[in-house]
Each structure stands twice: as C-alpha cells, then as structure tokens.
N, C-alpha and C. Protein backbone atom coordinates (compact mmCIF):
# COMPACT_ATOMS: atom_id res chain seq x y z
N UNK A 1 104.20 99.66 122.97
CA UNK A 1 104.83 98.62 122.68
C UNK A 1 104.22 97.13 123.46
N UNK A 2 104.43 96.26 122.41
CA UNK A 2 103.51 95.10 122.55
C UNK A 2 105.04 94.44 124.16
N UNK A 3 104.54 93.33 124.56
CA UNK A 3 105.52 92.90 125.75
C UNK A 3 107.11 92.32 125.08
N UNK A 4 106.79 91.35 123.55
CA UNK A 4 108.09 90.88 123.28
C UNK A 4 109.33 92.15 123.22
N UNK A 5 108.38 93.69 122.48
CA UNK A 5 109.58 94.57 122.47
C UNK A 5 109.95 95.05 123.74
N UNK A 6 109.49 95.27 124.20
CA UNK A 6 109.41 95.73 126.03
C UNK A 6 110.40 94.59 126.38
N UNK A 7 110.52 93.59 126.14
CA UNK A 7 111.54 92.63 126.51
C UNK A 7 112.88 92.73 125.86
N UNK A 8 112.65 93.19 124.89
CA UNK A 8 113.92 93.76 123.76
C UNK A 8 114.97 94.63 124.38
N UNK A 9 114.19 95.11 125.30
CA UNK A 9 115.33 95.81 125.99
C UNK A 9 116.07 95.92 127.05
N UNK A 10 116.91 96.23 126.69
CA UNK A 10 118.70 95.85 127.85
C UNK A 10 119.10 94.38 127.62
N UNK A 11 118.67 93.73 126.18
CA UNK A 11 118.99 92.13 125.77
C UNK A 11 120.61 92.96 125.10
N UNK A 12 121.37 92.45 125.35
CA UNK A 12 122.81 92.62 124.18
C UNK A 12 122.32 91.69 122.50
N UNK A 13 123.50 91.61 122.19
CA UNK A 13 123.11 91.89 120.59
C UNK A 13 122.74 89.72 120.40
N UNK A 14 123.43 89.73 121.30
CA UNK A 14 123.40 88.12 121.45
C UNK A 14 122.27 87.54 121.50
N UNK A 15 121.83 87.89 122.69
CA UNK A 15 120.70 87.65 123.30
C UNK A 15 119.46 87.83 122.23
N UNK A 16 119.50 89.11 122.02
CA UNK A 16 118.55 89.21 120.65
C UNK A 16 118.34 88.56 119.78
N UNK A 17 119.52 88.30 119.15
CA UNK A 17 119.99 86.93 118.31
C UNK A 17 119.17 85.57 117.72
N UNK A 18 118.78 85.39 119.97
CA UNK A 18 118.85 84.08 119.99
C UNK A 18 117.38 84.10 120.09
N UNK A 19 116.99 84.97 120.84
CA UNK A 19 115.64 85.13 120.96
C UNK A 19 114.65 84.70 119.50
N UNK A 20 115.29 85.87 118.31
CA UNK A 20 115.05 85.95 116.96
C UNK A 20 115.06 84.53 116.48
N UNK A 21 116.39 83.94 116.70
CA UNK A 21 115.82 82.31 115.74
C UNK A 21 115.32 81.34 116.99
N UNK A 22 114.88 81.93 118.25
CA UNK A 22 113.39 80.94 118.57
C UNK A 22 112.41 81.55 118.22
N UNK A 23 111.93 82.39 117.87
CA UNK A 23 110.85 82.87 117.33
C UNK A 23 110.44 82.86 115.65
N UNK A 24 111.29 82.13 114.82
CA UNK A 24 111.97 81.53 113.17
C UNK A 24 111.55 80.26 113.53
N UNK A 25 111.83 79.57 114.70
CA UNK A 25 111.64 78.11 115.11
C UNK A 25 110.29 77.86 115.45
N UNK A 26 110.03 79.05 116.40
CA UNK A 26 108.48 78.40 116.59
C UNK A 26 107.85 78.50 115.48
N UNK A 27 107.42 79.84 114.58
CA UNK A 27 106.48 79.62 113.66
C UNK A 27 107.01 78.62 112.52
N UNK A 28 108.22 77.90 112.31
CA UNK A 28 108.42 76.98 111.68
C UNK A 28 107.98 75.63 111.92
N UNK A 29 108.36 75.43 113.45
CA UNK A 29 107.74 73.97 113.90
C UNK A 29 106.59 74.03 114.09
N UNK A 30 105.46 75.25 114.72
CA UNK A 30 104.11 75.41 114.79
C UNK A 30 103.30 76.87 114.05
N UNK A 31 103.40 76.77 112.56
CA UNK A 31 102.90 77.26 111.47
C UNK A 31 101.62 77.72 112.23
N UNK A 32 100.91 79.32 111.82
CA UNK A 32 100.07 79.87 112.55
C UNK A 32 99.42 79.93 110.65
N UNK A 33 98.20 79.71 110.67
CA UNK A 33 97.05 80.54 109.66
C UNK A 33 97.69 79.50 108.52
N UNK A 34 98.22 78.42 108.95
CA UNK A 34 98.20 77.24 107.57
C UNK A 34 97.24 75.97 107.35
N UNK A 35 96.28 76.62 106.80
CA UNK A 35 95.29 75.69 106.93
C UNK A 35 94.76 76.46 105.69
N UNK A 36 93.49 75.60 105.32
CA UNK A 36 92.43 76.19 104.09
C UNK A 36 91.41 77.29 104.65
N UNK A 37 90.84 77.84 103.84
CA UNK A 37 89.61 79.28 104.20
C UNK A 37 88.47 79.37 103.79
N UNK A 38 87.37 79.38 104.28
CA UNK A 38 86.32 79.57 103.83
C UNK A 38 85.95 81.11 103.02
N UNK A 39 85.47 81.34 102.28
CA UNK A 39 85.38 82.32 101.57
C UNK A 39 86.44 83.05 100.37
N UNK A 40 87.52 82.19 100.14
CA UNK A 40 88.35 82.54 99.35
C UNK A 40 87.77 83.08 98.40
N UNK A 41 88.94 84.58 98.24
CA UNK A 41 89.01 85.35 97.12
C UNK A 41 90.11 85.67 96.19
N UNK A 42 90.80 85.31 96.54
CA UNK A 42 92.19 85.53 95.95
C UNK A 42 93.14 84.14 96.75
N UNK A 43 93.42 83.76 95.49
CA UNK A 43 94.83 82.55 95.64
C UNK A 43 95.56 82.12 94.40
N UNK A 44 97.15 82.40 94.66
CA UNK A 44 98.03 81.84 94.01
C UNK A 44 99.00 81.09 94.89
N UNK A 45 99.87 80.20 93.74
CA UNK A 45 100.84 79.37 93.97
C UNK A 45 101.72 79.94 93.18
N UNK A 46 103.04 80.33 93.97
CA UNK A 46 104.47 80.46 93.87
C UNK A 46 105.76 79.60 94.23
N UNK A 47 106.11 79.08 93.53
CA UNK A 47 107.56 78.32 94.00
C UNK A 47 108.77 79.23 93.86
N UNK A 48 110.05 79.18 94.66
CA UNK A 48 111.32 79.07 94.49
C UNK A 48 112.19 77.81 94.19
N UNK A 49 112.57 77.58 92.64
CA UNK A 49 113.61 76.24 92.00
C UNK A 49 114.64 76.55 92.73
N UNK A 50 115.10 77.04 93.45
CA UNK A 50 116.59 77.20 94.16
C UNK A 50 116.41 75.94 94.40
N UNK A 51 115.81 75.89 95.64
CA UNK A 51 115.41 75.67 97.26
C UNK A 51 114.46 74.42 97.12
N UNK A 52 113.30 74.13 95.77
CA UNK A 52 111.86 73.63 96.40
C UNK A 52 110.69 74.25 97.19
N UNK A 53 110.84 75.55 97.62
CA UNK A 53 110.31 75.78 98.70
C UNK A 53 108.37 75.93 97.70
N UNK A 54 108.11 75.70 97.99
CA UNK A 54 106.18 76.23 97.66
C UNK A 54 105.42 76.90 98.84
N UNK A 55 104.69 77.98 98.49
CA UNK A 55 103.93 78.46 98.77
C UNK A 55 102.35 78.50 98.32
N UNK A 56 101.30 78.29 98.88
CA UNK A 56 99.88 78.57 98.17
C UNK A 56 99.13 79.95 99.51
N UNK A 57 99.47 80.64 98.68
CA UNK A 57 99.02 81.69 99.59
C UNK A 57 97.15 82.19 99.19
N UNK A 58 96.59 82.06 100.09
CA UNK A 58 94.95 82.57 100.47
C UNK A 58 94.35 83.66 100.88
N UNK A 59 93.80 84.19 100.38
CA UNK A 59 93.45 85.34 101.12
C UNK A 59 91.89 85.86 100.87
N UNK A 60 91.30 86.47 101.99
CA UNK A 60 89.69 86.35 101.70
C UNK A 60 89.90 87.89 101.49
N UNK A 61 89.39 88.90 101.08
CA UNK A 61 89.16 90.46 100.76
C UNK A 61 87.77 90.74 101.05
N UNK A 62 87.67 91.37 101.88
CA UNK A 62 86.11 92.24 102.00
C UNK A 62 86.24 93.54 102.52
N UNK A 63 85.53 94.62 101.83
CA UNK A 63 85.33 95.69 101.85
C UNK A 63 87.48 96.47 101.92
N UNK A 64 87.86 95.99 101.17
CA UNK A 64 89.46 96.42 101.07
C UNK A 64 90.66 96.20 102.54
N UNK A 65 89.93 95.09 102.95
CA UNK A 65 90.78 94.59 104.62
C UNK A 65 91.08 93.20 103.86
N UNK A 66 92.10 92.79 104.66
CA UNK A 66 92.18 91.03 104.40
C UNK A 66 91.33 90.04 105.88
N UNK A 67 90.44 89.97 105.51
CA UNK A 67 89.20 89.42 106.60
C UNK A 67 89.83 87.95 107.49
N UNK A 68 90.92 87.62 106.34
CA UNK A 68 91.01 86.29 106.40
C UNK A 68 92.43 85.83 105.75
N UNK A 69 93.72 84.67 106.20
CA UNK A 69 94.88 85.27 105.57
C UNK A 69 95.38 83.54 105.57
N UNK A 70 95.68 82.70 104.58
CA UNK A 70 96.44 81.74 105.16
C UNK A 70 97.11 81.03 104.14
N UNK A 71 97.90 80.02 104.46
CA UNK A 71 98.77 79.15 103.50
C UNK A 71 99.10 77.88 103.52
N UNK A 72 99.52 77.19 102.98
CA UNK A 72 99.68 76.16 102.21
C UNK A 72 101.15 75.62 102.24
N UNK A 73 102.02 74.81 101.83
CA UNK A 73 102.93 74.48 101.32
C UNK A 73 104.01 73.68 101.96
N UNK A 74 105.33 73.74 101.75
CA UNK A 74 106.18 72.71 101.84
C UNK A 74 107.29 74.36 101.59
N UNK A 75 108.73 73.83 102.72
CA UNK A 75 109.73 74.47 102.36
C UNK A 75 110.67 74.57 103.59
N UNK A 76 111.20 75.50 103.07
CA UNK A 76 112.62 75.20 104.72
C UNK A 76 112.08 76.27 105.46
N UNK A 77 112.82 76.77 106.18
CA UNK A 77 112.07 76.83 108.25
C UNK A 77 112.38 78.66 107.94
N UNK A 78 112.91 78.91 106.69
CA UNK A 78 113.05 80.65 106.32
C UNK A 78 111.56 80.76 106.08
N UNK A 79 111.32 80.62 104.94
CA UNK A 79 110.31 80.70 103.75
C UNK A 79 108.60 80.65 104.43
N UNK A 80 108.12 78.91 105.40
CA UNK A 80 107.26 78.75 106.16
C UNK A 80 106.85 79.57 107.45
N UNK A 81 108.14 80.08 108.19
CA UNK A 81 108.26 80.89 109.25
C UNK A 81 107.80 82.30 108.67
N UNK A 82 108.69 82.40 107.80
CA UNK A 82 107.88 84.06 107.05
C UNK A 82 106.47 84.00 106.68
N UNK A 83 106.61 83.44 105.85
CA UNK A 83 104.35 82.92 105.56
C UNK A 83 103.78 83.12 106.86
N UNK A 84 103.95 82.46 108.24
CA UNK A 84 103.52 82.12 109.04
C UNK A 84 103.17 83.57 110.22
N UNK A 85 104.35 83.84 109.77
CA UNK A 85 104.66 85.24 110.54
C UNK A 85 103.87 86.66 109.57
N UNK A 86 103.75 86.53 108.24
CA UNK A 86 102.92 87.50 107.36
C UNK A 86 101.63 87.19 107.67
N UNK A 87 101.40 85.96 107.89
CA UNK A 87 99.59 86.25 107.99
C UNK A 87 99.36 86.49 109.29
N UNK A 88 100.21 85.88 110.08
CA UNK A 88 99.64 86.75 111.52
C UNK A 88 99.78 88.77 111.95
N UNK A 89 100.50 88.91 111.10
CA UNK A 89 100.55 90.19 110.80
C UNK A 89 99.61 90.66 110.21
N UNK A 90 99.41 89.89 109.03
CA UNK A 90 98.10 91.10 108.24
C UNK A 90 97.22 90.90 107.94
N UNK A 91 96.26 89.65 109.06
CA UNK A 91 94.80 89.56 109.18
C UNK A 91 94.19 90.52 109.55
N UNK A 92 93.84 91.32 108.92
CA UNK A 92 92.66 92.46 109.14
C UNK A 92 92.80 93.95 108.88
N UNK A 93 94.46 93.62 108.69
CA UNK A 93 94.87 94.78 107.76
C UNK A 93 94.31 95.60 106.40
N UNK A 94 94.29 96.49 106.22
CA UNK A 94 93.88 97.17 104.39
C UNK A 94 94.79 96.58 103.83
N UNK A 95 93.93 96.33 102.21
CA UNK A 95 95.41 96.10 101.46
C UNK A 95 96.37 96.76 101.44
N UNK A 96 96.04 98.05 101.39
CA UNK A 96 96.70 99.21 101.54
C UNK A 96 98.04 98.97 102.48
N UNK A 97 97.58 99.02 103.45
CA UNK A 97 98.60 98.49 104.81
C UNK A 97 99.31 97.88 104.72
N UNK A 98 98.91 96.45 104.21
CA UNK A 98 99.69 94.72 103.84
C UNK A 98 100.32 94.94 102.77
N UNK A 99 100.14 96.10 101.91
CA UNK A 99 101.41 96.32 100.53
C UNK A 99 102.59 97.01 101.60
N UNK A 100 101.67 98.35 102.29
CA UNK A 100 103.34 99.35 102.68
C UNK A 100 103.76 98.67 103.69
N UNK A 101 103.40 97.50 104.41
CA UNK A 101 104.57 96.70 105.28
C UNK A 101 105.38 95.42 104.19
N UNK A 102 104.15 95.47 103.42
CA UNK A 102 105.46 94.21 102.02
C UNK A 102 106.45 95.18 101.06
N UNK A 103 106.19 96.22 101.42
CA UNK A 103 107.40 97.04 101.27
C UNK A 103 108.51 97.15 102.10
N UNK A 104 108.14 97.60 103.02
CA UNK A 104 109.03 97.48 104.71
C UNK A 104 109.65 96.26 105.06
N UNK A 105 109.41 94.97 104.70
CA UNK A 105 109.97 93.79 105.13
C UNK A 105 110.77 93.68 103.36
N UNK A 106 110.40 93.92 102.75
CA UNK A 106 111.11 93.54 101.31
C UNK A 106 112.72 94.54 101.66
N UNK A 107 112.27 96.11 102.13
CA UNK A 107 113.31 96.80 102.24
C UNK A 107 114.12 96.00 103.17
N UNK A 108 113.74 95.84 104.22
CA UNK A 108 114.50 95.04 105.37
C UNK A 108 115.64 93.65 105.35
N UNK A 109 114.72 92.91 104.02
CA UNK A 109 115.68 91.98 103.61
C UNK A 109 116.78 92.46 102.73
N UNK A 110 116.61 93.62 101.96
CA UNK A 110 117.55 93.93 101.44
C UNK A 110 118.58 94.69 101.91
N UNK A 111 118.56 94.95 102.87
CA UNK A 111 119.52 95.25 103.87
C UNK A 111 119.05 96.80 104.21
N UNK A 112 118.07 97.24 104.13
CA UNK A 112 117.70 98.84 104.92
C UNK A 112 118.03 98.59 106.14
N UNK A 113 118.65 99.47 106.89
CA UNK A 113 118.81 99.02 108.50
C UNK A 113 117.71 100.38 108.94
N UNK A 114 117.52 100.94 108.27
CA UNK A 114 116.40 101.75 108.85
C UNK A 114 114.67 101.05 108.57
N UNK A 115 114.55 100.23 107.81
CA UNK A 115 113.64 99.46 107.94
C UNK A 115 113.53 98.39 108.97
N UNK A 116 114.98 97.76 109.23
CA UNK A 116 115.09 97.05 110.30
C UNK A 116 114.58 96.95 111.12
N UNK A 117 114.34 98.53 111.60
CA UNK A 117 113.77 99.02 112.90
C UNK A 117 112.36 99.25 113.04
N UNK A 118 111.86 99.27 111.79
CA UNK A 118 110.34 99.46 111.52
C UNK A 118 109.87 98.88 112.73
N UNK A 119 108.51 99.42 113.59
CA UNK A 119 107.91 98.84 114.64
C UNK A 119 106.89 97.79 113.64
N UNK A 120 106.31 98.46 112.59
CA UNK A 120 105.05 98.12 112.84
C UNK A 120 105.59 96.41 112.08
N UNK A 121 106.51 95.82 111.73
CA UNK A 121 107.29 94.92 110.80
C UNK A 121 106.46 93.61 112.71
N UNK A 122 106.92 94.18 113.92
CA UNK A 122 106.80 93.57 114.70
C UNK A 122 107.85 91.99 114.85
N UNK A 123 107.00 90.90 114.94
CA UNK A 123 107.94 89.91 114.85
C UNK A 123 108.48 89.73 114.01
N UNK A 124 108.14 90.27 113.20
CA UNK A 124 109.45 90.19 111.00
C UNK A 124 110.30 90.68 111.35
N UNK A 125 111.07 91.01 112.31
CA UNK A 125 111.76 92.02 112.30
C UNK A 125 113.10 90.32 113.08
N UNK A 126 113.15 89.69 113.40
CA UNK A 126 113.43 88.41 113.37
C UNK A 126 114.06 87.84 111.98
N UNK A 127 113.40 88.08 111.04
CA UNK A 127 113.99 87.66 110.00
C UNK A 127 115.32 88.84 109.06
N UNK A 128 115.49 89.97 110.06
CA UNK A 128 116.66 90.80 109.85
C UNK A 128 118.01 90.74 108.85
N UNK A 129 118.28 89.29 109.42
CA UNK A 129 119.37 88.69 109.43
C UNK A 129 119.33 87.70 108.04
N UNK A 130 118.54 87.99 108.11
CA UNK A 130 118.30 86.63 106.35
C UNK A 130 119.59 87.76 105.76
N UNK A 131 119.20 88.68 105.14
CA UNK A 131 119.87 90.00 104.83
C UNK A 131 120.63 89.54 104.06
N UNK A 132 122.12 88.95 104.99
CA UNK A 132 123.37 89.05 104.88
C UNK A 132 123.49 87.35 104.30
N UNK A 133 122.51 86.73 104.02
CA UNK A 133 122.30 85.28 102.75
C UNK A 133 121.68 85.52 101.54
N UNK A 134 121.74 86.36 100.84
CA UNK A 134 121.12 86.91 99.31
C UNK A 134 120.46 85.27 98.95
N UNK A 135 121.54 83.99 99.00
CA UNK A 135 120.39 82.93 98.35
C UNK A 135 118.89 82.66 99.16
N UNK A 136 119.12 83.00 100.60
CA UNK A 136 118.24 83.59 101.43
C UNK A 136 116.42 83.64 101.22
N UNK A 137 117.40 84.85 101.28
CA UNK A 137 116.42 85.86 100.81
C UNK A 137 115.02 85.92 100.04
N UNK A 138 115.36 85.37 98.91
CA UNK A 138 113.88 84.19 98.35
C UNK A 138 112.93 83.71 99.03
N UNK A 139 113.68 82.93 99.86
CA UNK A 139 113.68 82.32 100.70
C UNK A 139 112.07 82.72 101.45
N UNK A 140 113.01 83.85 102.14
CA UNK A 140 111.98 84.73 102.98
C UNK A 140 110.74 85.29 101.69
N UNK A 141 110.95 85.70 101.38
CA UNK A 141 110.38 86.99 100.15
C UNK A 141 108.75 85.66 99.59
N UNK A 142 109.63 84.88 99.47
CA UNK A 142 107.79 83.80 99.05
C UNK A 142 106.65 84.48 99.09
N UNK A 143 106.35 83.42 100.46
CA UNK A 143 105.11 84.55 100.55
C UNK A 143 104.62 86.06 100.33
N UNK A 144 105.35 86.29 100.43
CA UNK A 144 105.49 88.43 99.98
C UNK A 144 105.33 88.56 99.06
N UNK A 145 105.95 87.71 97.77
CA UNK A 145 105.91 87.56 96.20
C UNK A 145 104.10 87.82 96.25
N UNK A 146 103.69 86.17 96.94
CA UNK A 146 102.58 85.75 96.16
C UNK A 146 101.25 86.95 96.39
N UNK A 147 101.89 87.48 97.78
CA UNK A 147 100.89 89.17 97.97
C UNK A 147 100.37 89.69 96.94
N UNK A 148 101.72 90.42 96.62
CA UNK A 148 102.07 91.11 95.57
C UNK A 148 101.73 90.88 94.55
N UNK A 149 101.41 89.52 93.69
CA UNK A 149 100.72 88.65 93.13
C UNK A 149 99.64 88.84 93.04
N UNK A 150 98.36 88.79 93.95
CA UNK A 150 97.26 88.95 94.29
C UNK A 150 96.67 90.16 94.67
N UNK A 151 97.60 91.20 94.82
CA UNK A 151 96.34 92.36 95.39
C UNK A 151 97.76 93.50 95.13
N UNK A 152 98.81 93.52 94.67
CA UNK A 152 100.16 94.88 94.26
C UNK A 152 99.45 95.26 93.04
N UNK A 153 100.00 96.19 92.99
CA UNK A 153 99.75 97.27 92.11
C UNK A 153 99.56 96.72 90.41
N UNK A 154 99.94 95.35 90.47
CA UNK A 154 99.91 94.94 88.53
C UNK A 154 99.33 93.54 89.00
N UNK A 155 98.73 93.68 89.76
CA UNK A 155 97.72 92.43 89.70
C UNK A 155 96.41 92.81 89.54
C-alpha cells in the first residue's frame, strides 16, 4: 500500500472526492512527462473533435517494455491530467501490462465499480468520477486510445 492509499483510509466520501480533485488539478497544472523523448519507437497524434483536445503520445519500447513514455498536446484538464497520470503509471511496464491497465481504466470510465477499486490503477482512480459525465469520458480516454493505436492488438 502506498502513502496516498494509506491516506485514503478513514476519509469520508467528500474528503476523498476533494483529494481526487486535487490530484487531477495537480497533474493538469504540472503535467508529468509532457516532453519529447529520445529513441522514440512509436508515436501517434489523436484528437477529440468535440472539445478540441489533441494528444501526441510518444513511446520508446525496448524488449517489450515501455522504456520511456511522454506526451505533448493541448486540451482540457481531464485529458491532460489523464495523459500525465498514464505516463507515470506505464513507464517501465511491459506492453502487455500497459494494455491490461488500459482495459481496467476503460472499464472504470464506463462505470464498472470493480475496476474503480482496482489498486493497480493507483492515482488513476481519481478519474473514476468522470464516468458520470459521458461527454468527458472521451477526454479521459484520449491518451489511452493513443496507446491502443500504437501497441494494441490491432496495431
């Protein structure tokens, strides 16, 4: 159990919601891995025409593992926070682990309560509330759709 998970114990729903909002805003204001990377092996650009979000996802895959991952782009707080959180969570994972996590994250955003409790999502669980706003689900999934395009089963 990480420190943030330990901090969740004993919080009521309102306090937990506030903590999750702070996590999302922190990733939006100070995005992690929003940069170019050396030795890029995979790159794709996708957009959400409904709201104008654009994400460029860059991967460096070596030996079946994500050696480095980053993103560039512009968009709403949900799309950029999701991309930032995704890059933190996936760096160092195998491609198969990344795709499994993508599946769990997608299930969570489509309202699956079991997926919303999945500890492997870590801070990504802060985005579970997006499932209540179908228009925003596309924003949160944009970077993940890029991942699927690059290394998914149909890539």
